[in-house]
């Protein structure tokens, strides 16, 4: 069999971002907000740490976020975190209008067509996988952010955003993909290497910025 025939026989590789493409809003942020809502003492501790957060903000927007995540996960070991994340995934999956119907339908169409579908997301691995399972989506490969156990609870190991998504794909053995769906500038690195880059619910201004970064046109879709 020739190289061209082998490529034709291989399934297409299709990438989906998660937040903003399959689900409305930021799923991990919603999980963190629920953690604070259920634990007033975490809110009090975050308030006590507010001077530190203000000091961090001029240097990096991510540092205050990481600090707030550490507080939200304080005291949670790996097992307890998995239980909490899976419970929230079940709750979120039952919320009306939380998910993008058109995005989920597009994903299922790709699966039915025999494509290899990967969800590549900045959401945490256990939470993202749990949500997808609650939606009845199986046969997916999920590449996501990861946490690790620490002395005082779970903490960030790898934040799978921007160029990190491409590195995660490479580490997973995926070096080329035919279609990629994204919704923001954070997905540019992933979109740039796709034969077809699809921008979901992008404003004209965002579309112009993405196309400038890619150096070519994108396919625009409006999903509800």
N, C-alpha and C. Protein backbone atom coordinates (compact mmCIF):
# COMPACT_ATOMS: atom_id res chain seq x y z
N UNK A 1 0.84 -1.18 0.00
CA UNK A 1 0.00 0.00 0.00
C UNK A 1 0.88 1.24 0.00
N UNK A 2 0.58 2.18 -0.87
CA UNK A 2 1.38 3.39 -0.98
C UNK A 2 1.14 4.29 0.24
N UNK A 3 2.04 5.29 0.41
CA UNK A 3 1.92 6.21 1.54
C UNK A 3 0.61 6.98 1.46
N UNK A 4 0.22 7.38 0.24
CA UNK A 4 -1.03 8.11 0.07
C UNK A 4 -2.23 7.27 0.43
N UNK A 5 -2.17 5.97 0.05
CA UNK A 5 -3.28 5.07 0.38
C UNK A 5 -3.36 4.82 1.89
N UNK A 6 -2.20 4.74 2.54
CA UNK A 6 -2.19 4.55 3.98
C UNK A 6 -2.79 5.76 4.69
N UNK A 7 -2.46 6.97 4.20
CA UNK A 7 -3.02 8.18 4.80
C UNK A 7 -4.53 8.23 4.59
N UNK A 8 -4.98 7.80 3.39
CA UNK A 8 -6.40 7.81 3.10
C UNK A 8 -7.15 6.81 3.98
N UNK A 9 -6.48 5.70 4.34
CA UNK A 9 -7.12 4.67 5.14
C UNK A 9 -7.15 5.04 6.62
N UNK A 10 -6.26 5.94 7.05
CA UNK A 10 -6.21 6.34 8.45
C UNK A 10 -7.38 7.26 8.78
N UNK A 11 -7.91 7.18 9.99
CA UNK A 11 -8.99 8.09 10.36
C UNK A 11 -8.48 9.53 10.47
N UNK A 12 -9.35 10.46 10.14
CA UNK A 12 -8.98 11.86 10.32
C UNK A 12 -8.87 12.15 11.82
N UNK A 13 -7.96 13.03 12.15
CA UNK A 13 -7.80 13.46 13.54
C UNK A 13 -8.49 14.82 13.69
N UNK A 14 -9.43 14.90 14.64
CA UNK A 14 -10.22 16.10 14.85
C UNK A 14 -10.10 16.53 16.30
N UNK A 15 -9.77 17.80 16.51
CA UNK A 15 -9.59 18.34 17.86
C UNK A 15 -10.72 19.29 18.23
N UNK A 16 -11.19 19.17 19.44
CA UNK A 16 -12.19 20.08 19.99
C UNK A 16 -11.65 20.73 21.26
N UNK A 17 -11.71 22.05 21.34
CA UNK A 17 -11.58 22.70 22.62
C UNK A 17 -12.85 22.37 23.41
N UNK A 18 -12.85 22.64 24.70
CA UNK A 18 -13.99 22.26 25.55
C UNK A 18 -14.80 23.49 25.98
N UNK A 19 -14.22 24.33 26.84
CA UNK A 19 -14.92 25.51 27.31
C UNK A 19 -15.13 26.50 26.16
N UNK A 20 -16.38 26.91 25.97
CA UNK A 20 -16.69 27.85 24.90
C UNK A 20 -17.00 27.18 23.58
N UNK A 21 -16.73 25.89 23.48
CA UNK A 21 -16.99 25.14 22.24
C UNK A 21 -18.05 24.07 22.48
N UNK A 22 -17.85 23.27 23.53
CA UNK A 22 -18.83 22.23 23.87
C UNK A 22 -19.68 22.63 25.08
N UNK A 23 -19.13 23.46 25.93
CA UNK A 23 -19.83 23.89 27.14
C UNK A 23 -19.77 25.41 27.22
N UNK A 24 -20.81 26.01 27.74
CA UNK A 24 -20.85 27.46 27.87
C UNK A 24 -20.11 27.88 29.15
N UNK A 25 -19.22 28.83 29.00
CA UNK A 25 -18.47 29.30 30.15
C UNK A 25 -17.26 28.43 30.46
N UNK A 26 -16.66 28.71 31.61
CA UNK A 26 -15.45 28.02 32.06
C UNK A 26 -15.84 26.99 33.11
N UNK A 27 -15.74 25.72 32.79
CA UNK A 27 -16.22 24.65 33.68
C UNK A 27 -15.41 24.58 34.97
N UNK A 28 -14.10 24.73 34.91
CA UNK A 28 -13.30 24.64 36.13
C UNK A 28 -13.56 25.84 37.03
N UNK A 29 -13.76 27.01 36.43
CA UNK A 29 -14.12 28.20 37.21
C UNK A 29 -15.43 27.96 37.95
N UNK A 30 -16.40 27.35 37.29
CA UNK A 30 -17.67 27.08 37.93
C UNK A 30 -17.50 26.10 39.10
N UNK A 31 -16.61 25.14 38.93
CA UNK A 31 -16.31 24.19 40.00
C UNK A 31 -15.68 24.91 41.19
N UNK A 32 -14.72 25.79 40.91
CA UNK A 32 -14.07 26.55 41.97
C UNK A 32 -15.07 27.44 42.69
N UNK A 33 -15.94 28.09 41.95
CA UNK A 33 -16.96 28.96 42.55
C UNK A 33 -17.87 28.15 43.49
N UNK A 34 -18.21 26.93 43.08
CA UNK A 34 -19.03 26.07 43.92
C UNK A 34 -18.29 25.65 45.19
N UNK A 35 -16.99 25.42 45.07
CA UNK A 35 -16.19 25.07 46.25
C UNK A 35 -16.23 26.21 47.26
N UNK A 36 -16.10 27.45 46.79
CA UNK A 36 -16.14 28.60 47.70
C UNK A 36 -17.55 28.79 48.27
N UNK A 37 -18.55 28.57 47.45
CA UNK A 37 -19.94 28.75 47.91
C UNK A 37 -20.27 27.80 49.05
N UNK A 38 -19.73 26.59 48.98
CA UNK A 38 -20.02 25.59 50.00
C UNK A 38 -19.11 25.69 51.23
N UNK A 39 -18.06 26.51 51.15
CA UNK A 39 -17.10 26.59 52.28
C UNK A 39 -16.83 28.05 52.63
N UNK A 40 -17.63 28.63 53.52
CA UNK A 40 -17.42 30.04 53.90
C UNK A 40 -16.01 30.30 54.43
N UNK A 41 -15.40 29.30 55.09
CA UNK A 41 -14.06 29.52 55.62
C UNK A 41 -13.04 29.73 54.51
N UNK A 42 -13.29 29.13 53.33
CA UNK A 42 -12.39 29.36 52.19
C UNK A 42 -12.51 30.81 51.72
N UNK A 43 -13.73 31.32 51.72
CA UNK A 43 -13.94 32.72 51.34
C UNK A 43 -13.20 33.65 52.31
N UNK A 44 -13.28 33.32 53.61
CA UNK A 44 -12.60 34.13 54.61
C UNK A 44 -11.08 34.08 54.42
N UNK A 45 -10.56 32.89 54.10
CA UNK A 45 -9.12 32.75 53.89
C UNK A 45 -8.69 33.52 52.64
N UNK A 46 -9.50 33.45 51.58
CA UNK A 46 -9.19 34.20 50.36
C UNK A 46 -9.18 35.69 50.64
N UNK A 47 -10.11 36.15 51.48
CA UNK A 47 -10.15 37.56 51.85
C UNK A 47 -8.90 37.96 52.62
N UNK A 48 -8.45 37.10 53.52
CA UNK A 48 -7.22 37.37 54.26
C UNK A 48 -6.00 37.43 53.35
N UNK A 49 -6.07 36.66 52.24
CA UNK A 49 -4.95 36.63 51.29
C UNK A 49 -5.02 37.73 50.25
N UNK A 50 -6.04 38.57 50.32
CA UNK A 50 -6.23 39.59 49.29
C UNK A 50 -5.03 40.52 49.11
N UNK A 51 -4.30 40.91 50.20
CA UNK A 51 -3.08 41.72 49.97
C UNK A 51 -2.05 41.00 49.10
N UNK A 52 -1.90 39.70 49.32
CA UNK A 52 -0.98 38.91 48.50
C UNK A 52 -1.45 38.88 47.05
N UNK A 53 -2.75 38.70 46.85
CA UNK A 53 -3.29 38.65 45.49
C UNK A 53 -3.05 39.97 44.77
N UNK A 54 -3.21 41.07 45.48
CA UNK A 54 -2.99 42.39 44.88
C UNK A 54 -1.52 42.59 44.53
N UNK A 55 -0.63 42.04 45.37
CA UNK A 55 0.80 42.15 45.07
C UNK A 55 1.19 41.30 43.86
N UNK A 56 0.52 40.17 43.68
CA UNK A 56 0.83 39.27 42.58
C UNK A 56 0.33 39.82 41.24
N UNK A 57 -0.79 40.52 41.26
CA UNK A 57 -1.48 40.91 40.03
C UNK A 57 -0.61 41.69 39.03
N UNK A 58 0.23 42.66 39.47
CA UNK A 58 1.04 43.39 38.47
C UNK A 58 2.06 42.51 37.75
N UNK A 59 2.47 41.41 38.38
CA UNK A 59 3.49 40.55 37.79
C UNK A 59 2.91 39.47 36.90
N UNK A 60 1.74 38.98 37.26
CA UNK A 60 1.12 37.91 36.47
C UNK A 60 -0.36 37.81 36.84
N UNK A 61 -1.20 37.67 35.83
CA UNK A 61 -2.62 37.46 36.08
C UNK A 61 -2.89 36.03 36.55
N UNK A 62 -1.95 35.14 36.24
CA UNK A 62 -2.14 33.73 36.59
C UNK A 62 -1.84 33.44 38.06
N UNK A 63 -0.88 34.15 38.65
CA UNK A 63 -0.50 33.86 40.03
C UNK A 63 -1.68 34.01 41.00
N UNK A 64 -2.45 35.11 40.94
CA UNK A 64 -3.61 35.19 41.85
C UNK A 64 -4.61 34.05 41.61
N UNK A 65 -4.78 33.68 40.34
CA UNK A 65 -5.70 32.58 40.03
C UNK A 65 -5.20 31.29 40.66
N UNK A 66 -3.90 31.01 40.54
CA UNK A 66 -3.35 29.79 41.12
C UNK A 66 -3.51 29.78 42.64
N UNK A 67 -3.32 30.94 43.26
CA UNK A 67 -3.49 31.03 44.71
C UNK A 67 -4.92 30.73 45.12
N UNK A 68 -5.89 31.27 44.39
CA UNK A 68 -7.30 31.02 44.70
C UNK A 68 -7.67 29.55 44.48
N UNK A 69 -7.07 28.93 43.48
CA UNK A 69 -7.31 27.49 43.25
C UNK A 69 -6.74 26.69 44.40
N UNK A 70 -5.54 27.06 44.87
CA UNK A 70 -4.93 26.34 46.00
C UNK A 70 -5.84 26.40 47.22
N UNK A 71 -6.44 27.58 47.46
CA UNK A 71 -7.33 27.73 48.62
C UNK A 71 -8.59 26.87 48.44
N UNK A 72 -9.12 26.87 47.21
CA UNK A 72 -10.34 26.10 46.93
C UNK A 72 -10.11 24.60 47.10
N UNK A 73 -8.88 24.15 46.89
CA UNK A 73 -8.58 22.71 46.97
C UNK A 73 -7.84 22.34 48.26
N UNK A 74 -7.72 23.29 49.16
CA UNK A 74 -7.01 23.06 50.42
C UNK A 74 -7.66 21.92 51.19
N UNK A 75 -6.83 20.96 51.59
CA UNK A 75 -7.32 19.84 52.39
C UNK A 75 -7.85 18.67 51.57
N UNK A 76 -7.86 18.79 50.26
CA UNK A 76 -8.35 17.70 49.41
C UNK A 76 -7.19 16.84 48.91
N UNK A 77 -7.20 15.58 49.27
CA UNK A 77 -6.27 14.64 48.68
C UNK A 77 -6.78 14.18 47.33
N UNK A 78 -6.01 13.32 46.68
CA UNK A 78 -6.36 12.91 45.32
C UNK A 78 -7.73 12.22 45.26
N UNK A 79 -7.99 11.31 46.18
CA UNK A 79 -9.25 10.57 46.16
C UNK A 79 -10.44 11.50 46.42
N UNK A 80 -10.32 12.35 47.43
CA UNK A 80 -11.42 13.27 47.75
C UNK A 80 -11.65 14.26 46.62
N UNK A 81 -10.56 14.66 45.97
CA UNK A 81 -10.73 15.56 44.83
C UNK A 81 -11.52 14.88 43.72
N UNK A 82 -11.19 13.64 43.41
CA UNK A 82 -11.89 12.91 42.35
C UNK A 82 -13.38 12.79 42.66
N UNK A 83 -13.70 12.51 43.91
CA UNK A 83 -15.11 12.40 44.31
C UNK A 83 -15.82 13.74 44.13
N UNK A 84 -15.17 14.83 44.56
CA UNK A 84 -15.78 16.15 44.45
C UNK A 84 -15.95 16.57 42.99
N UNK A 85 -14.92 16.32 42.17
CA UNK A 85 -14.99 16.70 40.76
C UNK A 85 -16.05 15.91 40.02
N UNK A 86 -16.15 14.62 40.29
CA UNK A 86 -17.16 13.79 39.62
C UNK A 86 -18.57 14.16 40.06
N UNK A 87 -18.73 14.51 41.34
CA UNK A 87 -20.04 14.94 41.82
C UNK A 87 -20.46 16.24 41.15
N UNK A 88 -19.52 17.17 41.01
CA UNK A 88 -19.86 18.43 40.34
C UNK A 88 -20.13 18.20 38.86
N UNK A 89 -19.39 17.28 38.23
CA UNK A 89 -19.64 16.96 36.82
C UNK A 89 -21.07 16.49 36.62
N UNK A 90 -21.55 15.65 37.53
CA UNK A 90 -22.93 15.15 37.44
C UNK A 90 -23.93 16.29 37.61
N UNK A 91 -23.64 17.21 38.52
CA UNK A 91 -24.52 18.36 38.74
C UNK A 91 -24.55 19.26 37.52
N UNK A 92 -23.37 19.54 36.98
CA UNK A 92 -23.28 20.45 35.83
C UNK A 92 -23.98 19.87 34.61
N UNK A 93 -23.87 18.57 34.42
CA UNK A 93 -24.47 17.93 33.24
C UNK A 93 -26.00 18.02 33.25
N UNK A 94 -26.58 18.27 34.42
CA UNK A 94 -28.04 18.36 34.52
C UNK A 94 -28.56 19.79 34.38
N UNK A 95 -27.65 20.76 34.29
CA UNK A 95 -28.08 22.14 34.20
C UNK A 95 -28.62 22.44 32.80
N UNK A 96 -29.81 23.03 32.69
CA UNK A 96 -30.36 23.34 31.37
C UNK A 96 -29.55 24.42 30.66
N UNK A 97 -29.41 24.25 29.36
CA UNK A 97 -28.73 25.23 28.50
C UNK A 97 -27.27 25.46 28.88
N UNK A 98 -26.67 24.51 29.58
CA UNK A 98 -25.27 24.65 29.97
C UNK A 98 -24.33 24.27 28.82
N UNK A 99 -24.82 23.41 27.93
CA UNK A 99 -23.96 22.88 26.88
C UNK A 99 -24.37 23.38 25.50
N UNK A 100 -23.41 23.38 24.61
CA UNK A 100 -23.63 23.85 23.25
C UNK A 100 -24.14 22.68 22.40
N UNK A 101 -25.43 22.67 22.15
CA UNK A 101 -26.06 21.57 21.42
C UNK A 101 -25.41 21.34 20.07
N UNK A 102 -25.15 22.41 19.34
CA UNK A 102 -24.56 22.28 18.00
C UNK A 102 -23.15 21.70 18.07
N UNK A 103 -22.41 22.09 19.10
CA UNK A 103 -21.06 21.56 19.26
C UNK A 103 -21.06 20.08 19.56
N UNK A 104 -21.96 19.65 20.45
CA UNK A 104 -22.06 18.24 20.78
C UNK A 104 -22.50 17.42 19.57
N UNK A 105 -23.40 17.97 18.78
CA UNK A 105 -23.85 17.27 17.58
C UNK A 105 -22.72 17.15 16.56
N UNK A 106 -21.92 18.21 16.43
CA UNK A 106 -20.78 18.16 15.50
C UNK A 106 -19.78 17.10 15.94
N UNK A 107 -19.53 17.04 17.25
CA UNK A 107 -18.60 16.03 17.77
C UNK A 107 -19.11 14.62 17.47
N UNK A 108 -20.38 14.39 17.70
CA UNK A 108 -20.94 13.06 17.44
C UNK A 108 -20.90 12.71 15.96
N UNK A 109 -21.10 13.70 15.10
CA UNK A 109 -21.02 13.45 13.65
C UNK A 109 -19.62 12.99 13.26
N UNK A 110 -18.62 13.63 13.85
CA UNK A 110 -17.24 13.22 13.56
C UNK A 110 -17.00 11.79 14.03
N UNK A 111 -17.52 11.45 15.19
CA UNK A 111 -17.36 10.08 15.68
C UNK A 111 -18.05 9.08 14.75
N UNK A 112 -19.26 9.41 14.32
CA UNK A 112 -19.99 8.51 13.42
C UNK A 112 -19.28 8.35 12.09
N UNK A 113 -18.55 9.40 11.67
CA UNK A 113 -17.80 9.35 10.41
C UNK A 113 -16.52 8.54 10.55
N UNK A 114 -16.22 8.09 11.76
CA UNK A 114 -15.01 7.29 11.97
C UNK A 114 -13.77 8.10 12.28
N UNK A 115 -13.93 9.41 12.55
CA UNK A 115 -12.78 10.25 12.87
C UNK A 115 -12.26 9.95 14.27
N UNK A 116 -10.99 10.19 14.47
CA UNK A 116 -10.39 10.10 15.80
C UNK A 116 -10.57 11.47 16.46
N UNK A 117 -11.36 11.52 17.51
CA UNK A 117 -11.72 12.80 18.13
C UNK A 117 -11.02 12.95 19.48
N UNK A 118 -10.35 14.09 19.64
CA UNK A 118 -9.69 14.41 20.90
C UNK A 118 -10.25 15.73 21.43
N UNK A 119 -10.50 15.78 22.72
CA UNK A 119 -10.87 17.02 23.39
C UNK A 119 -9.62 17.55 24.07
N UNK A 120 -9.19 18.73 23.66
CA UNK A 120 -7.94 19.31 24.16
C UNK A 120 -8.31 20.59 24.91
N UNK A 121 -8.14 20.58 26.21
CA UNK A 121 -8.74 21.62 27.03
C UNK A 121 -7.86 22.09 28.17
N UNK A 122 -8.12 23.31 28.61
CA UNK A 122 -7.46 23.83 29.79
C UNK A 122 -8.17 23.42 31.06
N UNK A 123 -9.36 22.84 30.95
CA UNK A 123 -10.08 22.32 32.11
C UNK A 123 -9.28 21.16 32.71
N UNK A 124 -9.49 20.88 33.98
CA UNK A 124 -8.76 19.79 34.65
C UNK A 124 -9.25 18.43 34.15
N UNK A 125 -8.35 17.47 34.10
CA UNK A 125 -8.59 16.17 33.47
C UNK A 125 -9.80 15.42 34.07
N UNK A 126 -9.83 15.25 35.39
CA UNK A 126 -10.91 14.50 36.02
C UNK A 126 -12.25 15.16 35.78
N UNK A 127 -12.30 16.48 35.92
CA UNK A 127 -13.55 17.21 35.74
C UNK A 127 -14.02 17.14 34.30
N UNK A 128 -13.13 17.41 33.35
CA UNK A 128 -13.52 17.37 31.93
C UNK A 128 -13.98 15.98 31.52
N UNK A 129 -13.24 14.95 31.93
CA UNK A 129 -13.62 13.58 31.58
C UNK A 129 -14.95 13.20 32.21
N UNK A 130 -15.16 13.63 33.46
CA UNK A 130 -16.40 13.33 34.14
C UNK A 130 -17.61 13.96 33.47
N UNK A 131 -17.45 15.21 33.03
CA UNK A 131 -18.55 15.90 32.36
C UNK A 131 -18.89 15.21 31.05
N UNK A 132 -17.87 14.87 30.27
CA UNK A 132 -18.11 14.19 28.99
C UNK A 132 -18.79 12.84 29.20
N UNK A 133 -18.38 12.11 30.22
CA UNK A 133 -19.01 10.82 30.52
C UNK A 133 -20.46 11.00 30.93
N UNK A 134 -20.74 12.04 31.70
CA UNK A 134 -22.11 12.32 32.11
C UNK A 134 -23.00 12.65 30.91
N UNK A 135 -22.40 13.19 29.87
CA UNK A 135 -23.14 13.51 28.65
C UNK A 135 -23.27 12.30 27.72
N UNK A 136 -22.70 11.18 28.12
CA UNK A 136 -22.80 9.97 27.31
C UNK A 136 -21.83 9.93 26.16
N UNK A 137 -20.79 10.76 26.23
CA UNK A 137 -19.78 10.80 25.15
C UNK A 137 -18.65 9.85 25.50
N UNK A 138 -18.52 8.79 24.72
CA UNK A 138 -17.48 7.79 24.95
C UNK A 138 -16.57 7.72 23.72
N UNK A 139 -15.47 7.01 23.87
CA UNK A 139 -14.55 6.85 22.76
C UNK A 139 -13.74 8.09 22.46
N UNK A 140 -13.67 9.01 23.43
CA UNK A 140 -12.91 10.25 23.25
C UNK A 140 -11.57 10.15 23.96
N UNK A 141 -10.58 10.84 23.41
CA UNK A 141 -9.31 11.02 24.10
C UNK A 141 -9.33 12.44 24.66
N UNK A 142 -9.03 12.57 25.94
CA UNK A 142 -9.10 13.86 26.61
C UNK A 142 -7.70 14.27 27.07
N UNK A 143 -7.22 15.39 26.56
CA UNK A 143 -5.94 15.96 26.98
C UNK A 143 -6.26 17.26 27.71
N UNK A 144 -5.97 17.30 29.00
CA UNK A 144 -6.44 18.40 29.83
C UNK A 144 -5.37 18.82 30.83
N UNK A 145 -5.69 19.87 31.59
CA UNK A 145 -4.80 20.29 32.67
C UNK A 145 -4.79 19.21 33.74
N UNK A 146 -3.70 19.19 34.50
CA UNK A 146 -3.55 18.14 35.51
C UNK A 146 -3.14 18.74 36.85
N UNK A 147 -3.63 18.11 37.92
CA UNK A 147 -3.25 18.48 39.27
C UNK A 147 -2.36 17.39 39.86
N UNK A 148 -1.72 17.73 40.96
CA UNK A 148 -0.92 16.73 41.68
C UNK A 148 -1.12 16.93 43.17
N UNK A 149 -0.99 15.85 43.94
CA UNK A 149 -1.13 15.99 45.39
C UNK A 149 0.01 16.81 45.98
N UNK A 150 -0.32 17.64 46.96
CA UNK A 150 0.68 18.41 47.69
C UNK A 150 0.50 18.20 49.18
N UNK A 151 1.30 18.91 49.97
CA UNK A 151 1.22 18.75 51.42
C UNK A 151 -0.14 19.19 51.96
N UNK A 152 -0.72 20.22 51.35
CA UNK A 152 -1.95 20.79 51.90
C UNK A 152 -3.16 20.60 50.98
N UNK A 153 -3.00 19.80 49.95
CA UNK A 153 -4.11 19.57 49.02
C UNK A 153 -3.61 19.50 47.60
N UNK A 154 -4.54 19.35 46.67
CA UNK A 154 -4.17 19.27 45.27
C UNK A 154 -3.66 20.62 44.76
N UNK A 155 -2.69 20.56 43.86
CA UNK A 155 -2.13 21.78 43.28
C UNK A 155 -1.85 21.55 41.81
N UNK A 156 -1.68 22.63 41.08
CA UNK A 156 -1.52 22.54 39.63
C UNK A 156 -0.20 21.89 39.25
N UNK A 157 -0.27 20.93 38.35
CA UNK A 157 0.92 20.31 37.78
C UNK A 157 1.16 20.83 36.37
N UNK A 158 0.10 20.88 35.57
CA UNK A 158 0.24 21.29 34.17
C UNK A 158 -1.04 22.01 33.73
N UNK A 159 -0.87 23.23 33.24
CA UNK A 159 -2.02 24.00 32.75
C UNK A 159 -2.02 23.90 31.22
N UNK A 160 -2.97 23.18 30.71
CA UNK A 160 -2.99 22.83 29.29
C UNK A 160 -3.67 23.93 28.45
N UNK A 161 -2.99 25.04 28.29
CA UNK A 161 -3.53 26.15 27.50
C UNK A 161 -2.48 26.63 26.51
N UNK A 162 -2.95 27.32 25.45
CA UNK A 162 -2.05 27.91 24.47
C UNK A 162 -1.13 26.89 23.83
N UNK A 163 0.16 27.23 23.66
CA UNK A 163 1.12 26.31 23.04
C UNK A 163 1.27 24.99 23.78
N UNK A 164 0.91 24.98 25.08
CA UNK A 164 0.99 23.74 25.85
C UNK A 164 0.09 22.66 25.25
N UNK A 165 -1.00 23.06 24.60
CA UNK A 165 -1.90 22.08 23.98
C UNK A 165 -1.17 21.31 22.88
N UNK A 166 -0.39 22.02 22.10
CA UNK A 166 0.36 21.36 21.01
C UNK A 166 1.40 20.41 21.57
N UNK A 167 2.07 20.82 22.66
CA UNK A 167 3.05 19.94 23.29
C UNK A 167 2.38 18.70 23.88
N UNK A 168 1.19 18.88 24.44
CA UNK A 168 0.46 17.73 24.98
C UNK A 168 0.10 16.74 23.88
N UNK A 169 -0.30 17.26 22.75
CA UNK A 169 -0.64 16.40 21.61
C UNK A 169 0.59 15.63 21.14
N UNK A 170 1.72 16.33 21.07
CA UNK A 170 2.96 15.67 20.64
C UNK A 170 3.35 14.57 21.61
N UNK A 171 3.24 14.85 22.92
CA UNK A 171 3.56 13.84 23.94
C UNK A 171 2.60 12.66 23.87
N UNK A 172 1.40 12.92 23.38
CA UNK A 172 0.38 11.88 23.24
C UNK A 172 0.55 11.09 21.94
N UNK A 173 1.52 11.50 21.13
CA UNK A 173 1.78 10.81 19.87
C UNK A 173 0.99 11.33 18.70
N UNK A 174 0.40 12.51 18.85
CA UNK A 174 -0.38 13.11 17.76
C UNK A 174 0.42 14.27 17.19
N UNK A 175 0.87 14.12 15.95
CA UNK A 175 1.70 15.16 15.34
C UNK A 175 1.01 15.94 14.24
N UNK A 176 -0.15 15.47 13.81
CA UNK A 176 -0.88 16.16 12.73
C UNK A 176 -2.36 15.95 12.94
N UNK A 177 -3.15 16.96 12.57
CA UNK A 177 -4.60 16.85 12.67
C UNK A 177 -5.24 17.62 11.53
N UNK A 178 -6.40 17.13 11.13
CA UNK A 178 -7.06 17.69 9.95
C UNK A 178 -8.00 18.85 10.30
N UNK A 179 -8.70 18.75 11.42
CA UNK A 179 -9.67 19.77 11.81
C UNK A 179 -9.46 20.12 13.27
N UNK A 180 -9.58 21.41 13.61
CA UNK A 180 -9.51 21.85 15.00
C UNK A 180 -10.57 22.91 15.24
N UNK A 181 -11.31 22.75 16.34
CA UNK A 181 -12.35 23.71 16.73
C UNK A 181 -11.89 24.47 17.97
N UNK A 182 -11.89 25.79 17.89
CA UNK A 182 -11.53 26.62 19.03
C UNK A 182 -12.40 27.86 19.09
N UNK A 183 -12.24 28.62 20.19
CA UNK A 183 -13.10 29.80 20.34
C UNK A 183 -12.36 31.04 20.78
N UNK A 184 -11.03 30.98 20.91
CA UNK A 184 -10.31 32.14 21.41
C UNK A 184 -8.87 32.16 20.90
N UNK A 185 -8.17 33.23 21.24
CA UNK A 185 -6.76 33.35 20.88
C UNK A 185 -5.91 32.29 21.58
N UNK A 186 -6.41 31.75 22.69
CA UNK A 186 -5.68 30.70 23.39
C UNK A 186 -5.56 29.43 22.54
N UNK A 187 -6.41 29.31 21.53
CA UNK A 187 -6.41 28.10 20.69
C UNK A 187 -5.60 28.27 19.40
N UNK A 188 -4.97 29.42 19.23
CA UNK A 188 -4.28 29.72 17.97
C UNK A 188 -3.21 28.68 17.63
N UNK A 189 -2.41 28.29 18.62
CA UNK A 189 -1.33 27.32 18.35
C UNK A 189 -1.90 26.01 17.82
N UNK A 190 -3.03 25.58 18.38
CA UNK A 190 -3.69 24.34 17.94
C UNK A 190 -4.33 24.52 16.57
N UNK A 191 -4.97 25.67 16.35
CA UNK A 191 -5.64 25.93 15.08
C UNK A 191 -4.65 26.07 13.93
N UNK A 192 -3.49 26.63 14.23
CA UNK A 192 -2.51 26.94 13.18
C UNK A 192 -2.04 25.69 12.45
N UNK A 193 -1.96 24.57 13.15
CA UNK A 193 -1.44 23.34 12.56
C UNK A 193 -2.53 22.47 11.94
N UNK A 194 -3.78 22.93 12.00
CA UNK A 194 -4.88 22.16 11.42
C UNK A 194 -5.05 22.48 9.94
N UNK A 195 -5.41 21.46 9.16
CA UNK A 195 -5.73 21.71 7.75
C UNK A 195 -6.94 22.63 7.65
N UNK A 196 -7.91 22.43 8.55
CA UNK A 196 -9.08 23.31 8.61
C UNK A 196 -9.23 23.83 10.03
N UNK A 197 -9.12 25.14 10.19
CA UNK A 197 -9.28 25.77 11.49
C UNK A 197 -10.70 26.33 11.59
N UNK A 198 -11.42 25.95 12.65
CA UNK A 198 -12.81 26.37 12.81
C UNK A 198 -12.92 27.23 14.07
N UNK A 199 -13.42 28.46 13.90
CA UNK A 199 -13.62 29.37 15.01
C UNK A 199 -15.09 29.36 15.39
N UNK A 200 -15.36 29.06 16.65
CA UNK A 200 -16.74 28.90 17.13
C UNK A 200 -17.21 30.18 17.81
N UNK A 201 -18.32 30.71 17.32
CA UNK A 201 -18.97 31.90 17.91
C UNK A 201 -18.00 33.07 18.09
N UNK A 202 -17.13 33.25 17.11
CA UNK A 202 -16.16 34.34 17.19
C UNK A 202 -16.75 35.66 16.70
N UNK A 203 -16.45 36.73 17.41
CA UNK A 203 -16.86 38.05 16.94
C UNK A 203 -16.03 38.43 15.72
N UNK A 204 -16.49 39.40 14.92
CA UNK A 204 -15.67 39.84 13.77
C UNK A 204 -14.27 40.28 14.19
N UNK A 205 -14.16 40.98 15.33
CA UNK A 205 -12.85 41.44 15.80
C UNK A 205 -11.96 40.25 16.15
N UNK A 206 -12.52 39.26 16.86
CA UNK A 206 -11.74 38.08 17.22
C UNK A 206 -11.34 37.30 15.97
N UNK A 207 -12.27 37.17 15.03
CA UNK A 207 -11.97 36.45 13.80
C UNK A 207 -10.79 37.11 13.07
N UNK A 208 -10.79 38.43 13.02
CA UNK A 208 -9.70 39.15 12.35
C UNK A 208 -8.37 38.90 13.06
N UNK A 209 -8.39 38.89 14.40
CA UNK A 209 -7.16 38.65 15.15
C UNK A 209 -6.64 37.23 14.94
N UNK A 210 -7.56 36.26 14.95
CA UNK A 210 -7.16 34.87 14.77
C UNK A 210 -6.60 34.66 13.36
N UNK A 211 -7.28 35.20 12.36
CA UNK A 211 -6.81 35.04 10.98
C UNK A 211 -5.45 35.70 10.77
N UNK A 212 -5.24 36.83 11.43
CA UNK A 212 -3.94 37.49 11.33
C UNK A 212 -2.86 36.62 11.95
N UNK A 213 -3.17 36.00 13.09
CA UNK A 213 -2.20 35.13 13.76
C UNK A 213 -1.92 33.87 12.95
N UNK A 214 -2.95 33.36 12.27
CA UNK A 214 -2.78 32.14 11.48
C UNK A 214 -2.17 32.41 10.11
N UNK A 215 -2.41 33.61 9.60
CA UNK A 215 -1.94 33.95 8.26
C UNK A 215 -2.82 33.36 7.17
N UNK A 216 -4.06 33.02 7.50
CA UNK A 216 -5.00 32.47 6.54
C UNK A 216 -6.42 32.58 7.09
N UNK A 217 -7.37 32.26 6.27
CA UNK A 217 -8.78 32.35 6.67
C UNK A 217 -9.18 31.17 7.55
N UNK A 218 -10.17 31.39 8.38
CA UNK A 218 -10.73 30.33 9.20
C UNK A 218 -12.18 30.07 8.78
N UNK A 219 -12.66 28.91 9.13
CA UNK A 219 -14.07 28.61 8.96
C UNK A 219 -14.80 29.11 10.20
N UNK A 220 -15.84 29.92 10.02
CA UNK A 220 -16.59 30.45 11.15
C UNK A 220 -17.92 29.73 11.29
N UNK A 221 -18.25 29.36 12.51
CA UNK A 221 -19.55 28.73 12.77
C UNK A 221 -20.21 29.41 13.96
N UNK A 222 -21.53 29.47 13.92
CA UNK A 222 -22.32 30.00 15.03
C UNK A 222 -23.07 28.81 15.65
N UNK A 223 -22.69 28.48 16.85
CA UNK A 223 -23.26 27.33 17.52
C UNK A 223 -24.10 27.75 18.73
N UNK A 224 -25.23 27.06 18.92
CA UNK A 224 -26.12 27.36 20.03
C UNK A 224 -26.43 26.10 20.81
